[in-house]
Amino acid sequence: MSKPQNPVQMAVIGAAHGIKGELRVKTFTGEPLALADYGPLYARDGRAFQIVDIRPANTVVVVRFKGVNDRNAAEALAGTELFVDRSMLPDDGEEDEFYHADLVGLEVRDDTGADIGKVVAVHNFGGGDILDVTLGERKGVLIPFTQAAVPDVSITEGFIRVDPAAAGLLDDEDGEAPGPEGFDPKGRPRGPRDAGGNR
């Protein structure tokens, strides 16, 4: 197979591990060791990577790729994103499970059904998936990808429906951020003077 036509990111290569060409790899698969089950992985430029060996290591996996035999070759690959074609992924997930690649590009609708934006990316910084959407002229609006904030997802119809309140899209009642009145910086609790930190 050549470079994926409909690429889905599966992993990103991190730092070299040891001197024999092994690499630390962060996977985006449900089971990290399953990265080896998808056949060749491809970089954005079309280079193919065949996994020869894979083992778990804390929050990542340590991988040996075919043809990468020393630390210098491994270090040159740091930061390389690895993809497979969407057709290589199974479609037998749960009803409420989605591939990030399937969510990108979906229209965003409010609770009345009106189109208000588009999903441009999906992030996960460790606390759950977050949708990065464009709402009108506003870019970089982040919405938690939870059942409350996004009650409906229709991949086949090309949209998600958000609950504006649960998604944090509504302004406060008065529309203003809390003001400084009543704030006394000297009244903040402090630890013992010898505890260190900024004082």
C-alpha atoms as a PDB file:
ATOM      1  CA  MET A   1       0.000   0.000   0.000  1.00  0.00           C
ATOM      2  CA  SER A   2       1.212   3.510  -0.748  1.00  0.00           C
ATOM      3  CA  LYS A   3       0.727   6.735   1.187  1.00  0.00           C
ATOM      4  CA  PRO A   4      -2.750   6.801   2.837  1.00  0.00           C
ATOM      5  CA  GLN A   5      -5.446   8.638   0.871  1.00  0.00           C
ATOM      6  CA  ASN A   6      -7.577   9.167   3.983  1.00  0.00           C
ATOM      7  CA  PRO A   7      -4.937   9.274   6.757  1.00  0.00           C
ATOM      8  CA  VAL A   8      -5.716   8.682  10.415  1.00  0.00           C
ATOM      9  CA  GLN A   9      -2.945   9.435  12.896  1.00  0.00           C
ATOM     10  CA  MET A  10      -2.042   6.400  14.974  1.00  0.00           C
ATOM     11  CA  ALA A  11       1.104   7.544  16.784  1.00  0.00           C
ATOM     12  CA  VAL A  12       3.927  10.036  17.036  1.00  0.00           C
ATOM     13  CA  ILE A  13       7.570   9.089  17.401  1.00  0.00           C
ATOM     14  CA  GLY A  14       9.338  10.497  20.440  1.00  0.00           C
ATOM     15  CA  ALA A  15      12.912  10.251  21.655  1.00  0.00           C
ATOM     16  CA  ALA A  16      15.435   7.548  20.881  1.00  0.00           C
ATOM     17  CA  HIS A  17      15.616   4.764  23.465  1.00  0.00           C
ATOM     18  CA  GLY A  18      19.052   3.246  23.956  1.00  0.00           C
ATOM     19  CA  ILE A  19      21.730   2.856  21.291  1.00  0.00           C
ATOM     20  CA  LYS A  20      20.256   0.120  19.072  1.00  0.00           C
ATOM     21  CA  GLY A  21      17.717   2.222  17.155  1.00  0.00           C
ATOM     22  CA  GLU A  22      14.703   1.778  19.424  1.00  0.00           C
ATOM     23  CA  LEU A  23      12.270   4.666  19.812  1.00  0.00           C
ATOM     24  CA  ARG A  24       9.725   5.790  22.371  1.00  0.00           C
ATOM     25  CA  VAL A  25       6.381   6.124  20.577  1.00  0.00           C
ATOM     26  CA  LYS A  26       3.157   7.694  21.861  1.00  0.00           C
ATOM     27  CA  THR A  27       0.199   5.772  20.440  1.00  0.00           C
ATOM     28  CA  PHE A  28      -3.380   6.906  19.906  1.00  0.00           C
ATOM     29  CA  THR A  29      -4.778   3.375  19.796  1.00  0.00           C
ATOM     30  CA  GLY A  30      -7.041   2.035  22.545  1.00  0.00           C
ATOM     31  CA  GLU A  31      -4.495  -0.693  23.314  1.00  0.00           C
ATOM     32  CA  PRO A  32      -0.971   0.698  22.769  1.00  0.00           C
ATOM     33  CA  LEU A  33       0.521  -2.620  21.625  1.00  0.00           C
ATOM     34  CA  ALA A  34      -2.147  -2.844  18.911  1.00  0.00           C
ATOM     35  CA  LEU A  35      -0.107  -0.331  16.915  1.00  0.00           C
ATOM     36  CA  ALA A  36       1.699  -3.308  15.389  1.00  0.00           C
ATOM     37  CA  ASP A  37      -1.590  -4.804  14.112  1.00  0.00           C
ATOM     38  CA  TYR A  38      -2.200  -2.245  11.355  1.00  0.00           C
ATOM     39  CA  GLY A  39       0.666  -3.168   9.061  1.00  0.00           C
ATOM     40  CA  PRO A  40       2.989  -0.460   7.757  1.00  0.00           C
ATOM     41  CA  LEU A  41       2.652   3.020   9.232  1.00  0.00           C
ATOM     42  CA  TYR A  42       3.260   6.050   7.037  1.00  0.00           C
ATOM     43  CA  ALA A  43       4.773   9.481   7.632  1.00  0.00           C
ATOM     44  CA  ARG A  44       3.203  12.557   6.006  1.00  0.00           C
ATOM     45  CA  ASP A  45       5.834  12.436   3.263  1.00  0.00           C
ATOM     46  CA  GLY A  46       4.925   8.840   2.359  1.00  0.00           C
ATOM     47  CA  ARG A  47       7.817   7.033   4.073  1.00  0.00           C
ATOM     48  CA  ALA A  48       6.698   3.598   5.316  1.00  0.00           C
ATOM     49  CA  PHE A  49       7.630   2.219   8.741  1.00  0.00           C
ATOM     50  CA  GLN A  50       7.393  -1.506   9.520  1.00  0.00           C
ATOM     51  CA  ILE A  51       7.348  -2.473  13.216  1.00  0.00           C
ATOM     52  CA  VAL A  52       9.814  -5.276  14.001  1.00  0.00           C
ATOM     53  CA  ASP A  53       9.408  -5.237  17.792  1.00  0.00           C
ATOM     54  CA  ILE A  54       7.134  -3.432  20.254  1.00  0.00           C
ATOM     55  CA  ARG A  55       6.907  -3.478  24.050  1.00  0.00           C
ATOM     56  CA  PRO A  56       5.175  -1.331  26.710  1.00  0.00           C
ATOM     57  CA  ALA A  57       7.093   1.293  28.691  1.00  0.00           C
ATOM     58  CA  ASN A  58       5.107   3.407  31.170  1.00  0.00           C
ATOM     59  CA  THR A  59       2.848   5.725  29.125  1.00  0.00           C
ATOM     60  CA  VAL A  60       4.400   4.909  25.731  1.00  0.00           C
ATOM     61  CA  VAL A  61       5.657   1.902  23.788  1.00  0.00           C
ATOM     62  CA  VAL A  62       9.229   1.202  22.762  1.00  0.00           C
ATOM     63  CA  VAL A  63       9.388   0.285  19.082  1.00  0.00           C
ATOM     64  CA  ARG A  64      12.076  -1.030  16.773  1.00  0.00           C
ATOM     65  CA  PHE A  65      11.377  -0.193  13.114  1.00  0.00           C
ATOM     66  CA  LYS A  66      12.839  -2.145  10.216  1.00  0.00           C
ATOM     67  CA  GLY A  67      15.967  -0.392   8.920  1.00  0.00           C
ATOM     68  CA  VAL A  68      16.483   1.804  11.994  1.00  0.00           C
ATOM     69  CA  ASN A  69      19.543   0.215  13.598  1.00  0.00           C
ATOM     70  CA  ASP A  70      21.358   2.881  15.611  1.00  0.00           C
ATOM     71  CA  ARG A  71      20.719   5.867  17.830  1.00  0.00           C
ATOM     72  CA  ASN A  72      21.563   8.437  15.119  1.00  0.00           C
ATOM     73  CA  ALA A  73      18.939   6.999  12.749  1.00  0.00           C
ATOM     74  CA  ALA A  74      16.429   6.887  15.602  1.00  0.00           C
ATOM     75  CA  GLU A  75      17.085  10.490  16.685  1.00  0.00           C
ATOM     76  CA  ALA A  76      16.429  11.682  13.121  1.00  0.00           C
ATOM     77  CA  LEU A  77      12.850  10.358  13.388  1.00  0.00           C
ATOM     78  CA  ALA A  78      11.846  12.235  16.562  1.00  0.00           C
ATOM     79  CA  GLY A  79       8.543  14.054  16.095  1.00  0.00           C
ATOM     80  CA  THR A  80       7.465  12.027  13.039  1.00  0.00           C
ATOM     81  CA  GLU A  81       3.702  11.468  12.987  1.00  0.00           C
ATOM     82  CA  LEU A  82       2.569   8.015  11.847  1.00  0.00           C
ATOM     83  CA  PHE A  83      -0.637   7.288   9.927  1.00  0.00           C
ATOM     84  CA  VAL A  84      -2.673   4.482   8.385  1.00  0.00           C
ATOM     85  CA  ASP A  85      -5.465   4.753   5.860  1.00  0.00           C
ATOM     86  CA  ARG A  86      -8.964   5.017   7.378  1.00  0.00           C
ATOM     87  CA  SER A  87      -9.940   1.811   5.540  1.00  0.00           C
ATOM     88  CA  MET A  88      -7.514  -0.143   7.767  1.00  0.00           C
ATOM     89  CA  LEU A  89      -9.534   0.668  10.904  1.00  0.00           C
ATOM     90  CA  PRO A  90     -12.439  -1.524  12.054  1.00  0.00           C
ATOM     91  CA  ASP A  91     -15.963  -0.102  12.123  1.00  0.00           C
ATOM     92  CA  ASP A  92     -17.251  -2.368  14.887  1.00  0.00           C
ATOM     93  CA  GLY A  93     -16.958   0.084  17.774  1.00  0.00           C
ATOM     94  CA  GLU A  94     -19.659   0.947  20.254  1.00  0.00           C
ATOM     95  CA  GLU A  95     -22.473   3.241  19.175  1.00  0.00           C
ATOM     96  CA  ASP A  96     -21.006   6.158  21.126  1.00  0.00           C
ATOM     97  CA  GLU A  97     -17.376   5.640  20.008  1.00  0.00           C
ATOM     98  CA  PHE A  98     -15.883   7.649  17.161  1.00  0.00           C
ATOM     99  CA  TYR A  99     -12.542   8.027  15.445  1.00  0.00           C
ATOM    100  CA  HIS A 100     -11.171  11.568  15.777  1.00  0.00           C
ATOM    101  CA  ALA A 101     -10.702  11.669  11.993  1.00  0.00           C
ATOM    102  CA  ASP A 102     -14.437  11.069  11.500  1.00  0.00           C
ATOM    103  CA  LEU A 103     -15.347  14.060  13.693  1.00  0.00           C
ATOM    104  CA  VAL A 104     -13.118  16.597  11.945  1.00  0.00           C
ATOM    105  CA  GLY A 105     -15.091  18.499   9.320  1.00  0.00           C
ATOM    106  CA  LEU A 106     -18.544  17.879  10.821  1.00  0.00           C
ATOM    107  CA  GLU A 107     -20.958  20.797  10.994  1.00  0.00           C
ATOM    108  CA  VAL A 108     -21.771  22.070  14.493  1.00  0.00           C
ATOM    109  CA  ARG A 109     -25.469  22.670  15.171  1.00  0.00           C
ATOM    110  CA  ASP A 110     -27.074  24.291  18.185  1.00  0.00           C
ATOM    111  CA  ASP A 111     -30.092  22.969  20.075  1.00  0.00           C
ATOM    112  CA  THR A 112     -32.449  24.508  17.475  1.00  0.00           C
ATOM    113  CA  GLY A 113     -30.726  22.665  14.612  1.00  0.00           C
ATOM    114  CA  ALA A 114     -29.098  25.778  13.119  1.00  0.00           C
ATOM    115  CA  ASP A 115     -25.567  25.404  11.682  1.00  0.00           C
ATOM    116  CA  ILE A 116     -23.255  27.500  13.851  1.00  0.00           C
ATOM    117  CA  GLY A 117     -19.789  26.202  12.996  1.00  0.00           C
ATOM    118  CA  LYS A 118     -17.470  23.347  12.100  1.00  0.00           C
ATOM    119  CA  VAL A 119     -15.198  20.891  13.924  1.00  0.00           C
ATOM    120  CA  VAL A 120     -11.591  21.600  12.891  1.00  0.00           C
ATOM    121  CA  ALA A 121      -9.680  19.291  15.266  1.00  0.00           C
ATOM    122  CA  VAL A 122      -9.983  16.936  18.229  1.00  0.00           C
ATOM    123  CA  HIS A 123      -7.521  17.210  21.119  1.00  0.00           C
ATOM    124  CA  ASN A 124      -6.882  15.142  24.210  1.00  0.00           C
ATOM    125  CA  PHE A 125      -4.535  16.616  26.796  1.00  0.00           C
ATOM    126  CA  GLY A 126      -5.205  13.825  29.291  1.00  0.00           C
ATOM    127  CA  GLY A 127      -8.578  14.885  30.693  1.00  0.00           C
ATOM    128  CA  GLY A 128     -10.789  13.626  27.862  1.00  0.00           C
ATOM    129  CA  ASP A 129     -11.478  14.563  24.272  1.00  0.00           C
ATOM    130  CA  ILE A 130     -12.018  18.224  23.400  1.00  0.00           C
ATOM    131  CA  LEU A 131     -13.478  19.470  20.121  1.00  0.00           C
ATOM    132  CA  ASP A 132     -11.749  22.464  18.549  1.00  0.00           C
ATOM    133  CA  VAL A 133     -14.437  24.273  16.571  1.00  0.00           C
ATOM    134  CA  THR A 134     -14.889  27.420  14.539  1.00  0.00           C
ATOM    135  CA  LEU A 135     -18.081  29.288  15.436  1.00  0.00           C
ATOM    136  CA  GLY A 136     -18.772  32.024  12.908  1.00  0.00           C
ATOM    137  CA  GLU A 137     -15.727  34.299  13.055  1.00  0.00           C
ATOM    138  CA  ARG A 138     -14.476  32.787  16.330  1.00  0.00           C
ATOM    139  CA  LYS A 139     -11.682  30.239  15.881  1.00  0.00           C
ATOM    140  CA  GLY A 140     -10.241  27.938  18.507  1.00  0.00           C
ATOM    141  CA  VAL A 141     -13.437  27.505  20.520  1.00  0.00           C
ATOM    142  CA  LEU A 142     -13.018  24.406  22.700  1.00  0.00           C
ATOM    143  CA  ILE A 143     -15.968  22.187  23.607  1.00  0.00           C
ATOM    144  CA  PRO A 144     -15.713  19.119  25.850  1.00  0.00           C
ATOM    145  CA  PHE A 145     -16.663  15.993  23.910  1.00  0.00           C
ATOM    146  CA  THR A 146     -19.067  14.685  26.539  1.00  0.00           C
ATOM    147  CA  GLN A 147     -22.622  13.323  26.299  1.00  0.00           C
ATOM    148  CA  ALA A 148     -23.931  16.470  28.026  1.00  0.00           C
ATOM    149  CA  ALA A 149     -22.134  18.982  25.788  1.00  0.00           C
ATOM    150  CA  VAL A 150     -22.516  17.008  22.539  1.00  0.00           C
ATOM    151  CA  PRO A 151     -25.708  14.936  22.869  1.00  0.00           C
ATOM    152  CA  ASP A 152     -25.984  14.005  19.166  1.00  0.00           C
ATOM    153  CA  VAL A 153     -23.337  12.870  16.692  1.00  0.00           C
ATOM    154  CA  SER A 154     -24.301  11.855  13.159  1.00  0.00           C
ATOM    155  CA  ILE A 155     -21.294  10.884  11.070  1.00  0.00           C
ATOM    156  CA  THR A 156     -23.533   9.804   8.169  1.00  0.00           C
ATOM    157  CA  GLU A 157     -25.416  13.110   8.101  1.00  0.00           C
ATOM    158  CA  GLY A 158     -22.273  15.145   8.764  1.00  0.00           C
ATOM    159  CA  PHE A 159     -23.111  17.033  11.961  1.00  0.00           C
ATOM    160  CA  ILE A 160     -22.907  17.162  15.727  1.00  0.00           C
ATOM    161  CA  ARG A 161     -25.451  18.913  17.940  1.00  0.00           C
ATOM    162  CA  VAL A 162     -24.180  20.819  20.963  1.00  0.00           C
ATOM    163  CA  ASP A 163     -25.999  21.918  24.077  1.00  0.00           C
ATOM    164  CA  PRO A 164     -24.776  25.536  24.382  1.00  0.00           C
ATOM    165  CA  ALA A 165     -25.086  25.595  28.175  1.00  0.00           C
ATOM    166  CA  ALA A 166     -23.281  22.299  28.786  1.00  0.00           C
ATOM    167  CA  ALA A 167     -20.661  23.204  26.152  1.00  0.00           C
ATOM    168  CA  GLY A 168     -19.865  26.475  27.962  1.00  0.00           C
ATOM    169  CA  LEU A 169     -20.940  28.657  25.040  1.00  0.00           C
ATOM    170  CA  LEU A 170     -23.345  30.882  26.978  1.00  0.00           C
ATOM    171  CA  ASP A 171     -22.197  34.110  28.625  1.00  0.00           C
ATOM    172  CA  ASP A 172     -22.717  34.700  32.337  1.00  0.00           C
ATOM    173  CA  GLU A 173     -26.049  36.299  33.221  1.00  0.00           C
ATOM    174  CA  ASP A 174     -24.514  39.745  33.524  1.00  0.00           C
ATOM    175  CA  GLY A 175     -22.044  39.052  30.703  1.00  0.00           C
ATOM    176  CA  GLU A 176     -19.069  40.241  32.743  1.00  0.00           C
ATOM    177  CA  ALA A 177     -16.188  38.495  34.389  1.00  0.00           C
ATOM    178  CA  PRO A 178     -15.985  38.784  38.149  1.00  0.00           C
ATOM    179  CA  GLY A 179     -14.473  42.108  39.124  1.00  0.00           C
ATOM    180  CA  PRO A 180     -11.680  42.871  41.583  1.00  0.00           C
ATOM    181  CA  GLU A 181     -14.013  44.378  44.195  1.00  0.00           C
ATOM    182  CA  GLY A 182     -13.704  42.654  47.517  1.00  0.00           C
ATOM    183  CA  PHE A 183     -10.423  40.972  46.556  1.00  0.00           C
ATOM    184  CA  ASP A 184      -7.734  41.407  49.167  1.00  0.00           C
ATOM    185  CA  PRO A 185      -4.401  39.935  48.035  1.00  0.00           C
ATOM    186  CA  LYS A 186      -3.064  40.210  51.589  1.00  0.00           C
ATOM    187  CA  GLY A 187      -5.966  38.111  52.794  1.00  0.00           C
ATOM    188  CA  ARG A 188      -4.957  35.072  50.774  1.00  0.00           C
ATOM    189  CA  PRO A 189      -3.933  32.098  52.897  1.00  0.00           C
ATOM    190  CA  ARG A 190      -0.177  31.519  53.053  1.00  0.00           C
ATOM    191  CA  GLY A 191       1.867  28.566  54.151  1.00  0.00           C
ATOM    192  CA  PRO A 192       4.653  28.763  56.698  1.00  0.00           C
ATOM    193  CA  ARG A 193       7.322  31.362  55.911  1.00  0.00           C
ATOM    194  CA  ASP A 194       9.981  28.684  55.532  1.00  0.00           C
ATOM    195  CA  ALA A 195       7.897  26.591  53.086  1.00  0.00           C
ATOM    196  CA  GLY A 196       9.501  28.220  50.017  1.00  0.00           C
ATOM    197  CA  GLY A 197       7.736  29.471  46.904  1.00  0.00           C
ATOM    198  CA  ASN A 198       7.023  33.032  45.897  1.00  0.00           C
ATOM    199  CA  ARG A 199       6.046  35.357  48.721  1.00  0.00           C
END
